[in-house]
């Protein structure tokens, strides 16, 4: 019996690796509404007291990394905001932020 040619072995090995690899996580998005409790400009993080976030999170106060400096610059402690939470596996952030007028 002949030995398997290297090129066939490489194709089989790549196929097996592809079959076993974890598929890329899909990003989910959720609407958020809440109040800014505190801001950390050095890390671009906003602590937000928010309502229920879809099927992802119950109402609570938690810190969110803000996606862009433009969105972060809109924020002030005490402001009521809406935005979009972006979730991929265990990573999350907030973007598309709008400050609500009183």
PDB file of N, CA and C in Angstrom:
ATOM      1  N   UNK A   1       0.849  -1.185   0.000  1.00  0.00           N
ATOM      2  CA  UNK A   1       0.000   0.000   0.000  1.00  0.00           C
ATOM      3  C   UNK A   1       0.887   1.238   0.000  1.00  0.00           C
ATOM      4  N   UNK A   2       0.582   2.153  -0.909  1.00  0.00           N
ATOM      5  CA  UNK A   2       1.388   3.365  -1.031  1.00  0.00           C
ATOM      6  C   UNK A   2       1.126   4.318   0.125  1.00  0.00           C
ATOM      7  N   UNK A   3       2.130   5.131   0.399  1.00  0.00           N
ATOM      8  CA  UNK A   3       1.961   6.181   1.409  1.00  0.00           C
ATOM      9  C   UNK A   3       1.084   7.279   0.819  1.00  0.00           C
ATOM     10  N   UNK A   4       0.342   7.947   1.681  1.00  0.00           N
ATOM     11  CA  UNK A   4      -0.525   9.033   1.235  1.00  0.00           C
ATOM     12  C   UNK A   4       0.348  10.222   0.801  1.00  0.00           C
ATOM     13  N   UNK A   5       0.139  10.763  -0.396  1.00  0.00           N
ATOM     14  CA  UNK A   5       0.921  11.931  -0.821  1.00  0.00           C
ATOM     15  C   UNK A   5       0.710  13.102   0.161  1.00  0.00           C
ATOM     16  N   UNK A   6       1.765  13.879   0.313  1.00  0.00           N
ATOM     17  CA  UNK A   6       1.721  14.998   1.271  1.00  0.00           C
ATOM     18  C   UNK A   6       0.603  15.990   0.975  1.00  0.00           C
ATOM     19  N   UNK A   7       0.344  16.253  -0.279  1.00  0.00           N
ATOM     20  CA  UNK A   7      -0.693  17.245  -0.611  1.00  0.00           C
ATOM     21  C   UNK A   7      -2.078  16.761  -0.178  1.00  0.00           C
ATOM     22  N   UNK A   8      -2.344  15.462  -0.331  1.00  0.00           N
ATOM     23  CA  UNK A   8      -3.638  14.919   0.109  1.00  0.00           C
ATOM     24  C   UNK A   8      -3.711  14.962   1.635  1.00  0.00           C
ATOM     25  N   UNK A   9      -2.593  14.606   2.285  1.00  0.00           N
ATOM     26  CA  UNK A   9      -2.543  14.667   3.752  1.00  0.00           C
ATOM     27  C   UNK A   9      -2.828  16.089   4.239  1.00  0.00           C
ATOM     28  N   UNK A  10      -2.233  17.092   3.608  1.00  0.00           N
ATOM     29  CA  UNK A  10      -2.430  18.488   4.008  1.00  0.00           C
ATOM     30  C   UNK A  10      -3.891  18.898   3.841  1.00  0.00           C
ATOM     31  N   UNK A  11      -4.510  18.479   2.742  1.00  0.00           N
ATOM     32  CA  UNK A  11      -5.915  18.819   2.499  1.00  0.00           C
ATOM     33  C   UNK A  11      -6.803  18.168   3.559  1.00  0.00           C
ATOM     34  N   UNK A  12      -6.546  16.911   3.867  1.00  0.00           N
ATOM     35  CA  UNK A  12      -7.334  16.202   4.887  1.00  0.00           C
ATOM     36  C   UNK A  12      -7.147  16.873   6.242  1.00  0.00           C
ATOM     37  N   UNK A  13      -5.901  17.198   6.589  1.00  0.00           N
ATOM     38  CA  UNK A  13      -5.626  17.840   7.869  1.00  0.00           C
ATOM     39  C   UNK A  13      -6.330  19.191   7.969  1.00  0.00           C
ATOM     40  N   UNK A  14      -6.261  19.994   6.940  1.00  0.00           N
ATOM     41  CA  UNK A  14      -6.949  21.298   6.952  1.00  0.00           C
ATOM     42  C   UNK A  14      -8.460  21.123   7.078  1.00  0.00           C
ATOM     43  N   UNK A  15      -8.999  20.123   6.399  1.00  0.00           N
ATOM     44  CA  UNK A  15     -10.435  19.850   6.510  1.00  0.00           C
ATOM     45  C   UNK A  15     -10.837  19.483   7.913  1.00  0.00           C
ATOM     46  N   UNK A  16     -10.037  18.640   8.566  1.00  0.00           N
ATOM     47  CA  UNK A  16     -10.321  18.257   9.952  1.00  0.00           C
ATOM     48  C   UNK A  16     -10.225  19.452  10.893  1.00  0.00           C
ATOM     49  N   UNK A  17      -9.217  20.281  10.707  1.00  0.00           N
ATOM     50  CA  UNK A  17      -9.074  21.476  11.551  1.00  0.00           C
ATOM     51  C   UNK A  17     -10.253  22.427  11.362  1.00  0.00           C
ATOM     52  N   UNK A  18     -10.679  22.603  10.142  1.00  0.00           N
ATOM     53  CA  UNK A  18     -11.817  23.479   9.872  1.00  0.00           C
ATOM     54  C   UNK A  18     -13.087  22.940  10.511  1.00  0.00           C
ATOM     55  N   UNK A  19     -13.267  21.630  10.457  1.00  0.00           N
ATOM     56  CA  UNK A  19     -14.467  21.011  11.030  1.00  0.00           C
ATOM     57  C   UNK A  19     -14.488  21.136  12.542  1.00  0.00           C
ATOM     58  N   UNK A  20     -13.323  21.166  13.162  1.00  0.00           N
ATOM     59  CA  UNK A  20     -13.239  21.227  14.627  1.00  0.00           C
ATOM     60  C   UNK A  20     -13.175  22.643  15.168  1.00  0.00           C
ATOM     61  N   UNK A  21     -12.929  23.610  14.316  1.00  0.00           N
ATOM     62  CA  UNK A  21     -12.763  24.978  14.806  1.00  0.00           C
ATOM     63  C   UNK A  21     -14.098  25.573  15.216  1.00  0.00           C
ATOM     64  N   UNK A  22     -14.030  26.480  16.172  1.00  0.00           N
ATOM     65  CA  UNK A  22     -15.225  27.145  16.692  1.00  0.00           C
ATOM     66  C   UNK A  22     -15.682  28.195  15.689  1.00  0.00           C
ATOM     67  N   UNK A  23     -16.971  28.231  15.344  1.00  0.00           N
ATOM     68  CA  UNK A  23     -17.439  29.250  14.406  1.00  0.00           C
ATOM     69  C   UNK A  23     -17.335  30.637  15.037  1.00  0.00           C
ATOM     70  N   UNK A  24     -17.165  31.631  14.207  1.00  0.00           N
ATOM     71  CA  UNK A  24     -17.069  33.005  14.692  1.00  0.00           C
ATOM     72  C   UNK A  24     -18.362  33.408  15.394  1.00  0.00           C
ATOM     73  N   UNK A  25     -18.215  34.095  16.510  1.00  0.00           N
ATOM     74  CA  UNK A  25     -19.388  34.526  17.269  1.00  0.00           C
ATOM     75  C   UNK A  25     -20.142  35.609  16.500  1.00  0.00           C
ATOM     76  N   UNK A  26     -21.437  35.528  16.564  1.00  0.00           N
ATOM     77  CA  UNK A  26     -22.294  36.507  15.909  1.00  0.00           C
ATOM     78  C   UNK A  26     -22.559  37.647  16.884  1.00  0.00           C
ATOM     79  N   UNK A  27     -22.449  38.867  16.399  1.00  0.00           N
ATOM     80  CA  UNK A  27     -22.744  40.018  17.251  1.00  0.00           C
ATOM     81  C   UNK A  27     -24.257  40.201  17.349  1.00  0.00           C
ATOM     82  N   UNK A  28     -24.729  40.397  18.578  1.00  0.00           N
ATOM     83  CA  UNK A  28     -26.137  40.704  18.819  1.00  0.00           C
ATOM     84  C   UNK A  28     -26.213  42.149  19.279  1.00  0.00           C
ATOM     85  N   UNK A  29     -27.333  42.805  18.988  1.00  0.00           N
ATOM     86  CA  UNK A  29     -27.525  44.180  19.425  1.00  0.00           C
ATOM     87  C   UNK A  29     -28.833  44.296  20.189  1.00  0.00           C
ATOM     88  N   UNK A  30     -28.822  45.186  21.181  1.00  0.00           N
ATOM     89  CA  UNK A  30     -29.988  45.405  22.036  1.00  0.00           C
ATOM     90  C   UNK A  30     -30.146  46.898  22.296  1.00  0.00           C
ATOM     91  N   UNK A  31     -31.377  47.337  22.415  1.00  0.00           N
ATOM     92  CA  UNK A  31     -31.660  48.723  22.775  1.00  0.00           C
ATOM     93  C   UNK A  31     -31.433  48.904  24.272  1.00  0.00           C
ATOM     94  N   UNK A  32     -30.877  50.040  24.654  1.00  0.00           N
ATOM     95  CA  UNK A  32     -30.634  50.373  26.052  1.00  0.00           C
ATOM     96  C   UNK A  32     -31.217  51.745  26.346  1.00  0.00           C
ATOM     97  N   UNK A  33     -31.790  51.891  27.531  1.00  0.00           N
ATOM     98  CA  UNK A  33     -32.237  53.186  28.027  1.00  0.00           C
ATOM     99  C   UNK A  33     -31.834  53.255  29.487  1.00  0.00           C
ATOM    100  N   UNK A  34     -31.240  54.385  29.885  1.00  0.00           N
ATOM    101  CA  UNK A  34     -30.817  54.494  31.266  1.00  0.00           C
ATOM    102  C   UNK A  34     -30.269  55.855  31.625  1.00  0.00           C
ATOM    103  N   UNK A  35     -29.683  55.922  32.829  1.00  0.00           N
ATOM    104  CA  UNK A  35     -29.131  57.168  33.367  1.00  0.00           C
ATOM    105  C   UNK A  35     -27.641  56.976  33.638  1.00  0.00           C
ATOM    106  N   UNK A  36     -26.839  57.961  33.252  1.00  0.00           N
ATOM    107  CA  UNK A  36     -25.403  57.924  33.485  1.00  0.00           C
ATOM    108  C   UNK A  36     -25.145  58.175  34.972  1.00  0.00           C
ATOM    109  N   UNK A  37     -24.470  57.240  35.617  1.00  0.00           N
ATOM    110  CA  UNK A  37     -24.162  57.341  37.050  1.00  0.00           C
ATOM    111  C   UNK A  37     -22.757  57.886  37.271  1.00  0.00           C
ATOM    112  N   UNK A  38     -21.791  57.423  36.474  1.00  0.00           N
ATOM    113  CA  UNK A  38     -20.423  57.943  36.547  1.00  0.00           C
ATOM    114  C   UNK A  38     -19.714  57.665  35.223  1.00  0.00           C
ATOM    115  N   UNK A  39     -18.639  58.427  34.999  1.00  0.00           N
ATOM    116  CA  UNK A  39     -17.867  58.309  33.769  1.00  0.00           C
ATOM    117  C   UNK A  39     -16.394  58.151  34.103  1.00  0.00           C
ATOM    118  N   UNK A  40     -15.695  57.348  33.319  1.00  0.00           N
ATOM    119  CA  UNK A  40     -14.244  57.195  33.443  1.00  0.00           C
ATOM    120  C   UNK A  40     -13.634  57.549  32.091  1.00  0.00           C
ATOM    121  N   UNK A  41     -13.216  58.823  31.929  1.00  0.00           N
ATOM    122  CA  UNK A  41     -12.672  59.253  30.639  1.00  0.00           C
ATOM    123  C   UNK A  41     -11.390  58.521  30.242  1.00  0.00           C
ATOM    124  N   UNK A  42     -10.573  58.120  31.212  1.00  0.00           N
ATOM    125  CA  UNK A  42      -9.302  57.465  30.867  1.00  0.00           C
ATOM    126  C   UNK A  42      -9.535  56.109  30.199  1.00  0.00           C
ATOM    127  N   UNK A  43     -10.602  55.426  30.565  1.00  0.00           N
ATOM    128  CA  UNK A  43     -10.912  54.117  29.976  1.00  0.00           C
ATOM    129  C   UNK A  43     -12.105  54.165  29.020  1.00  0.00           C
ATOM    130  N   UNK A  44     -12.712  55.346  28.883  1.00  0.00           N
ATOM    131  CA  UNK A  44     -13.893  55.539  28.025  1.00  0.00           C
ATOM    132  C   UNK A  44     -15.010  54.570  28.426  1.00  0.00           C
ATOM    133  N   UNK A  45     -15.325  54.589  29.747  1.00  0.00           N
ATOM    134  CA  UNK A  45     -16.352  53.705  30.307  1.00  0.00           C
ATOM    135  C   UNK A  45     -17.432  54.551  30.968  1.00  0.00           C
ATOM    136  N   UNK A  46     -18.690  54.164  30.761  1.00  0.00           N
ATOM    137  CA  UNK A  46     -19.831  54.826  31.384  1.00  0.00           C
ATOM    138  C   UNK A  46     -20.570  53.825  32.259  1.00  0.00           C
ATOM    139  N   UNK A  47     -20.782  54.191  33.522  1.00  0.00           N
ATOM    140  CA  UNK A  47     -21.625  53.379  34.400  1.00  0.00           C
ATOM    141  C   UNK A  47     -23.056  53.860  34.186  1.00  0.00           C
ATOM    142  N   UNK A  48     -23.934  52.946  33.814  1.00  0.00           N
ATOM    143  CA  UNK A  48     -25.306  53.302  33.448  1.00  0.00           C
ATOM    144  C   UNK A  48     -26.287  52.476  34.271  1.00  0.00           C
ATOM    145  N   UNK A  49     -27.232  53.163  34.900  1.00  0.00           N
ATOM    146  CA  UNK A  49     -28.348  52.497  35.580  1.00  0.00           C
ATOM    147  C   UNK A  49     -29.413  52.316  34.505  1.00  0.00           C
ATOM    148  N   UNK A  50     -29.617  51.068  34.091  1.00  0.00           N
ATOM    149  CA  UNK A  50     -30.468  50.814  32.923  1.00  0.00           C
ATOM    150  C   UNK A  50     -31.628  49.891  33.253  1.00  0.00           C
ATOM    151  N   UNK A  51     -32.614  49.913  32.367  1.00  0.00           N
ATOM    152  CA  UNK A  51     -33.724  48.979  32.441  1.00  0.00           C
ATOM    153  C   UNK A  51     -33.314  47.652  31.819  1.00  0.00           C
ATOM    154  N   UNK A  52     -34.263  46.760  31.689  1.00  0.00           N
ATOM    155  CA  UNK A  52     -34.017  45.442  31.080  1.00  0.00           C
ATOM    156  C   UNK A  52     -33.492  45.629  29.660  1.00  0.00           C
ATOM    157  N   UNK A  53     -32.475  44.851  29.318  1.00  0.00           N
ATOM    158  CA  UNK A  53     -31.876  44.900  27.988  1.00  0.00           C
ATOM    159  C   UNK A  53     -32.228  43.601  27.272  1.00  0.00           C
ATOM    160  N   UNK A  54     -33.323  43.631  26.541  1.00  0.00           N
ATOM    161  CA  UNK A  54     -33.776  42.466  25.782  1.00  0.00           C
ATOM    162  C   UNK A  54     -33.752  41.199  26.611  1.00  0.00           C
ATOM    163  N   UNK A  55     -33.265  40.117  26.021  1.00  0.00           N
ATOM    164  CA  UNK A  55     -33.136  38.850  26.745  1.00  0.00           C
ATOM    165  C   UNK A  55     -31.713  38.658  27.273  1.00  0.00           C
ATOM    166  N   UNK A  56     -30.933  39.759  27.293  1.00  0.00           N
ATOM    167  CA  UNK A  56     -29.527  39.677  27.666  1.00  0.00           C
ATOM    168  C   UNK A  56     -29.256  40.056  29.118  1.00  0.00           C
ATOM    169  N   UNK A  57     -29.943  41.079  29.643  1.00  0.00           N
ATOM    170  CA  UNK A  57     -29.590  41.603  30.958  1.00  0.00           C
ATOM    171  C   UNK A  57     -30.819  42.162  31.665  1.00  0.00           C
ATOM    172  N   UNK A  58     -30.926  41.856  32.944  1.00  0.00           N
ATOM    173  CA  UNK A  58     -31.983  42.423  33.787  1.00  0.00           C
ATOM    174  C   UNK A  58     -31.608  43.855  34.177  1.00  0.00           C
ATOM    175  N   UNK A  59     -32.570  44.645  34.681  1.00  0.00           N
ATOM    176  CA  UNK A  59     -32.257  46.015  35.106  1.00  0.00           C
ATOM    177  C   UNK A  59     -31.181  46.010  36.203  1.00  0.00           C
ATOM    178  N   UNK A  60     -30.207  46.900  36.062  1.00  0.00           N
ATOM    179  CA  UNK A  60     -29.132  47.024  37.045  1.00  0.00           C
ATOM    180  C   UNK A  60     -28.272  48.227  36.694  1.00  0.00           C
ATOM    181  N   UNK A  61     -27.240  48.470  37.475  1.00  0.00           N
ATOM    182  CA  UNK A  61     -26.235  49.470  37.134  1.00  0.00           C
ATOM    183  C   UNK A  61     -24.966  48.719  36.782  1.00  0.00           C
ATOM    184  N   UNK A  62     -24.418  49.007  35.604  1.00  0.00           N
ATOM    185  CA  UNK A  62     -23.180  48.338  35.184  1.00  0.00           C
ATOM    186  C   UNK A  62     -22.364  49.263  34.302  1.00  0.00           C
ATOM    187  N   UNK A  63     -21.099  48.926  34.161  1.00  0.00           N
ATOM    188  CA  UNK A  63     -20.185  49.718  33.345  1.00  0.00           C
ATOM    189  C   UNK A  63     -20.176  49.201  31.909  1.00  0.00           C
ATOM    190  N   UNK A  64     -20.212  50.151  30.983  1.00  0.00           N
ATOM    191  CA  UNK A  64     -20.173  49.831  29.562  1.00  0.00           C
ATOM    192  C   UNK A  64     -19.003  50.553  28.910  1.00  0.00           C
ATOM    193  N   UNK A  65     -18.145  49.842  28.191  1.00  0.00           N
ATOM    194  CA  UNK A  65     -17.182  50.526  27.336  1.00  0.00           C
ATOM    195  C   UNK A  65     -17.958  51.258  26.237  1.00  0.00           C
ATOM    196  N   UNK A  66     -17.575  52.501  25.971  1.00  0.00           N
ATOM    197  CA  UNK A  66     -18.240  53.291  24.927  1.00  0.00           C
ATOM    198  C   UNK A  66     -17.417  53.138  23.650  1.00  0.00           C
ATOM    199  N   UNK A  67     -18.085  52.827  22.558  1.00  0.00           N
ATOM    200  CA  UNK A  67     -17.409  52.469  21.308  1.00  0.00           C
ATOM    201  C   UNK A  67     -16.589  53.596  20.699  1.00  0.00           C
ATOM    202  N   UNK A  68     -17.104  54.812  20.729  1.00  0.00           N
ATOM    203  CA  UNK A  68     -16.388  55.909  20.061  1.00  0.00           C
ATOM    204  C   UNK A  68     -16.209  57.089  21.005  1.00  0.00           C
ATOM    205  N   UNK A  69     -15.181  57.864  20.736  1.00  0.00           N
ATOM    206  CA  UNK A  69     -14.953  59.080  21.521  1.00  0.00           C
ATOM    207  C   UNK A  69     -16.086  60.073  21.294  1.00  0.00           C
ATOM    208  N   UNK A  70     -16.630  60.124  20.095  1.00  0.00           N
ATOM    209  CA  UNK A  70     -17.749  61.029  19.790  1.00  0.00           C
ATOM    210  C   UNK A  70     -18.937  60.718  20.687  1.00  0.00           C
ATOM    211  N   UNK A  71     -19.281  59.435  20.838  1.00  0.00           N
ATOM    212  CA  UNK A  71     -20.376  59.051  21.738  1.00  0.00           C
ATOM    213  C   UNK A  71     -20.030  59.378  23.182  1.00  0.00           C
ATOM    214  N   UNK A  72     -18.786  59.096  23.596  1.00  0.00           N
ATOM    215  CA  UNK A  72     -18.404  59.363  24.988  1.00  0.00           C
ATOM    216  C   UNK A  72     -18.509  60.855  25.305  1.00  0.00           C
ATOM    217  N   UNK A  73     -18.132  61.700  24.347  1.00  0.00           N
ATOM    218  CA  UNK A  73     -18.157  63.149  24.562  1.00  0.00           C
ATOM    219  C   UNK A  73     -19.565  63.697  24.769  1.00  0.00           C
ATOM    220  N   UNK A  74     -20.600  62.983  24.369  1.00  0.00           N
ATOM    221  CA  UNK A  74     -21.994  63.400  24.552  1.00  0.00           C
ATOM    222  C   UNK A  74     -22.455  63.225  25.996  1.00  0.00           C
ATOM    223  N   UNK A  75     -21.749  62.410  26.777  1.00  0.00           N
ATOM    224  CA  UNK A  75     -22.245  61.958  28.072  1.00  0.00           C
ATOM    225  C   UNK A  75     -21.907  62.914  29.208  1.00  0.00           C
ATOM    226  N   UNK A  76     -22.820  62.956  30.186  1.00  0.00           N
ATOM    227  CA  UNK A  76     -22.611  63.709  31.429  1.00  0.00           C
ATOM    228  C   UNK A  76     -23.329  62.952  32.537  1.00  0.00           C
ATOM    229  N   UNK A  77     -22.764  62.982  33.718  1.00  0.00           N
ATOM    230  CA  UNK A  77     -23.390  62.313  34.859  1.00  0.00           C
ATOM    231  C   UNK A  77     -24.792  62.888  35.053  1.00  0.00           C
ATOM    232  N   UNK A  78     -25.772  62.023  35.232  1.00  0.00           N
ATOM    233  CA  UNK A  78     -27.166  62.420  35.416  1.00  0.00           C
ATOM    234  C   UNK A  78     -27.973  62.453  34.131  1.00  0.00           C
ATOM    235  N   UNK A  79     -27.302  62.384  32.979  1.00  0.00           N
ATOM    236  CA  UNK A  79     -28.009  62.427  31.698  1.00  0.00           C
ATOM    237  C   UNK A  79     -28.779  61.124  31.473  1.00  0.00           C
ATOM    238  N   UNK A  80     -29.941  61.242  30.875  1.00  0.00           N
ATOM    239  CA  UNK A  80     -30.723  60.074  30.454  1.00  0.00           C
ATOM    240  C   UNK A  80     -30.377  59.806  28.998  1.00  0.00           C
ATOM    241  N   UNK A  81     -30.056  58.547  28.702  1.00  0.00           N
ATOM    242  CA  UNK A  81     -29.570  58.205  27.367  1.00  0.00           C
ATOM    243  C   UNK A  81     -30.293  56.988  26.801  1.00  0.00           C
ATOM    244  N   UNK A  82     -30.235  56.892  25.493  1.00  0.00           N
ATOM    245  CA  UNK A  82     -30.590  55.662  24.791  1.00  0.00           C
ATOM    246  C   UNK A  82     -29.371  55.284  23.960  1.00  0.00           C
ATOM    247  N   UNK A  83     -29.281  54.022  23.610  1.00  0.00           N
ATOM    248  CA  UNK A  83     -28.159  53.577  22.795  1.00  0.00           C
ATOM    249  C   UNK A  83     -28.343  52.132  22.392  1.00  0.00           C
ATOM    250  N   UNK A  84     -27.330  51.615  21.749  1.00  0.00           N
ATOM    251  CA  UNK A  84     -27.336  50.230  21.300  1.00  0.00           C
ATOM    252  C   UNK A  84     -26.203  49.498  21.992  1.00  0.00           C
ATOM    253  N   UNK A  85     -26.542  48.382  22.641  1.00  0.00           N
ATOM    254  CA  UNK A  85     -25.525  47.524  23.240  1.00  0.00           C
ATOM    255  C   UNK A  85     -25.138  46.477  22.202  1.00  0.00           C
ATOM    256  N   UNK A  86     -23.840  46.359  21.975  1.00  0.00           N
ATOM    257  CA  UNK A  86     -23.297  45.374  21.032  1.00  0.00           C
ATOM    258  C   UNK A  86     -22.664  44.259  21.857  1.00  0.00           C
ATOM    259  N   UNK A  87     -23.100  43.013  21.625  1.00  0.00           N
ATOM    260  CA  UNK A  87     -22.627  41.869  22.408  1.00  0.00           C
ATOM    261  C   UNK A  87     -22.092  40.795  21.467  1.00  0.00           C
ATOM    262  N   UNK A  88     -20.872  40.342  21.757  1.00  0.00           N
ATOM    263  CA  UNK A  88     -20.261  39.229  21.009  1.00  0.00           C
ATOM    264  C   UNK A  88     -19.564  38.359  22.053  1.00  0.00           C
ATOM    265  N   UNK A  89     -20.089  37.171  22.271  1.00  0.00           N
ATOM    266  CA  UNK A  89     -19.594  36.274  23.322  1.00  0.00           C
ATOM    267  C   UNK A  89     -19.629  37.009  24.663  1.00  0.00           C
ATOM    268  N   UNK A  90     -18.477  37.148  25.322  1.00  0.00           N
ATOM    269  CA  UNK A  90     -18.422  37.829  26.621  1.00  0.00           C
ATOM    270  C   UNK A  90     -18.053  39.302  26.503  1.00  0.00           C
ATOM    271  N   UNK A  91     -17.819  39.787  25.298  1.00  0.00           N
ATOM    272  CA  UNK A  91     -17.470  41.191  25.088  1.00  0.00           C
ATOM    273  C   UNK A  91     -18.722  41.997  24.770  1.00  0.00           C
ATOM    274  N   UNK A  92     -18.774  43.208  25.306  1.00  0.00           N
ATOM    275  CA  UNK A  92     -19.906  44.086  25.039  1.00  0.00           C
ATOM    276  C   UNK A  92     -19.440  45.538  25.082  1.00  0.00           C
ATOM    277  N   UNK A  93     -20.200  46.400  24.424  1.00  0.00           N
ATOM    278  CA  UNK A  93     -19.949  47.841  24.434  1.00  0.00           C
ATOM    279  C   UNK A  93     -21.242  48.535  24.045  1.00  0.00           C
ATOM    280  N   UNK A  94     -21.229  49.860  24.195  1.00  0.00           N
ATOM    281  CA  UNK A  94     -22.420  50.637  23.841  1.00  0.00           C
ATOM    282  C   UNK A  94     -22.029  51.677  22.784  1.00  0.00           C
ATOM    283  N   UNK A  95     -22.945  51.913  21.856  1.00  0.00           N
ATOM    284  CA  UNK A  95     -22.727  52.899  20.806  1.00  0.00           C
ATOM    285  C   UNK A  95     -24.055  53.498  20.380  1.00  0.00           C
ATOM    286  N   UNK A  96     -23.985  54.322  19.332  1.00  0.00           N
ATOM    287  CA  UNK A  96     -25.186  54.990  18.800  1.00  0.00           C
ATOM    288  C   UNK A  96     -25.962  55.666  19.937  1.00  0.00           C
ATOM    289  N   UNK A  97     -25.256  56.402  20.769  1.00  0.00           N
ATOM    290  CA  UNK A  97     -25.839  57.003  21.967  1.00  0.00           C
ATOM    291  C   UNK A  97     -26.527  58.319  21.638  1.00  0.00           C
ATOM    292  N   UNK A  98     -27.711  58.496  22.227  1.00  0.00           N
ATOM    293  CA  UNK A  98     -28.443  59.756  22.126  1.00  0.00           C
ATOM    294  C   UNK A  98     -28.801  60.195  23.543  1.00  0.00           C
ATOM    295  N   UNK A  99     -28.539  61.474  23.845  1.00  0.00           N
ATOM    296  CA  UNK A  99     -28.901  62.028  25.154  1.00  0.00           C
ATOM    297  C   UNK A  99     -30.324  62.548  25.040  1.00  0.00           C
ATOM    298  N   UNK A 100     -31.168  62.138  25.973  1.00  0.00           N
ATOM    299  CA  UNK A 100     -32.583  62.504  25.955  1.00  0.00           C
ATOM    300  C   UNK A 100     -32.770  63.881  26.592  1.00  0.00           C
ATOM    301  N   UNK A 101     -33.566  64.702  25.977  1.00  0.00           N
ATOM    302  CA  UNK A 101     -33.878  66.023  26.523  1.00  0.00           C
ATOM    303  C   UNK A 101     -34.872  65.872  27.668  1.00  0.00           C
ATOM    304  N   UNK A 102     -34.683  66.659  28.751  1.00  0.00           N
ATOM    305  CA  UNK A 102     -35.627  66.560  29.899  1.00  0.00           C
ATOM    306  C   UNK A 102     -37.020  67.022  29.557  1.00  0.00           C
TER     307      UNK A 102
END
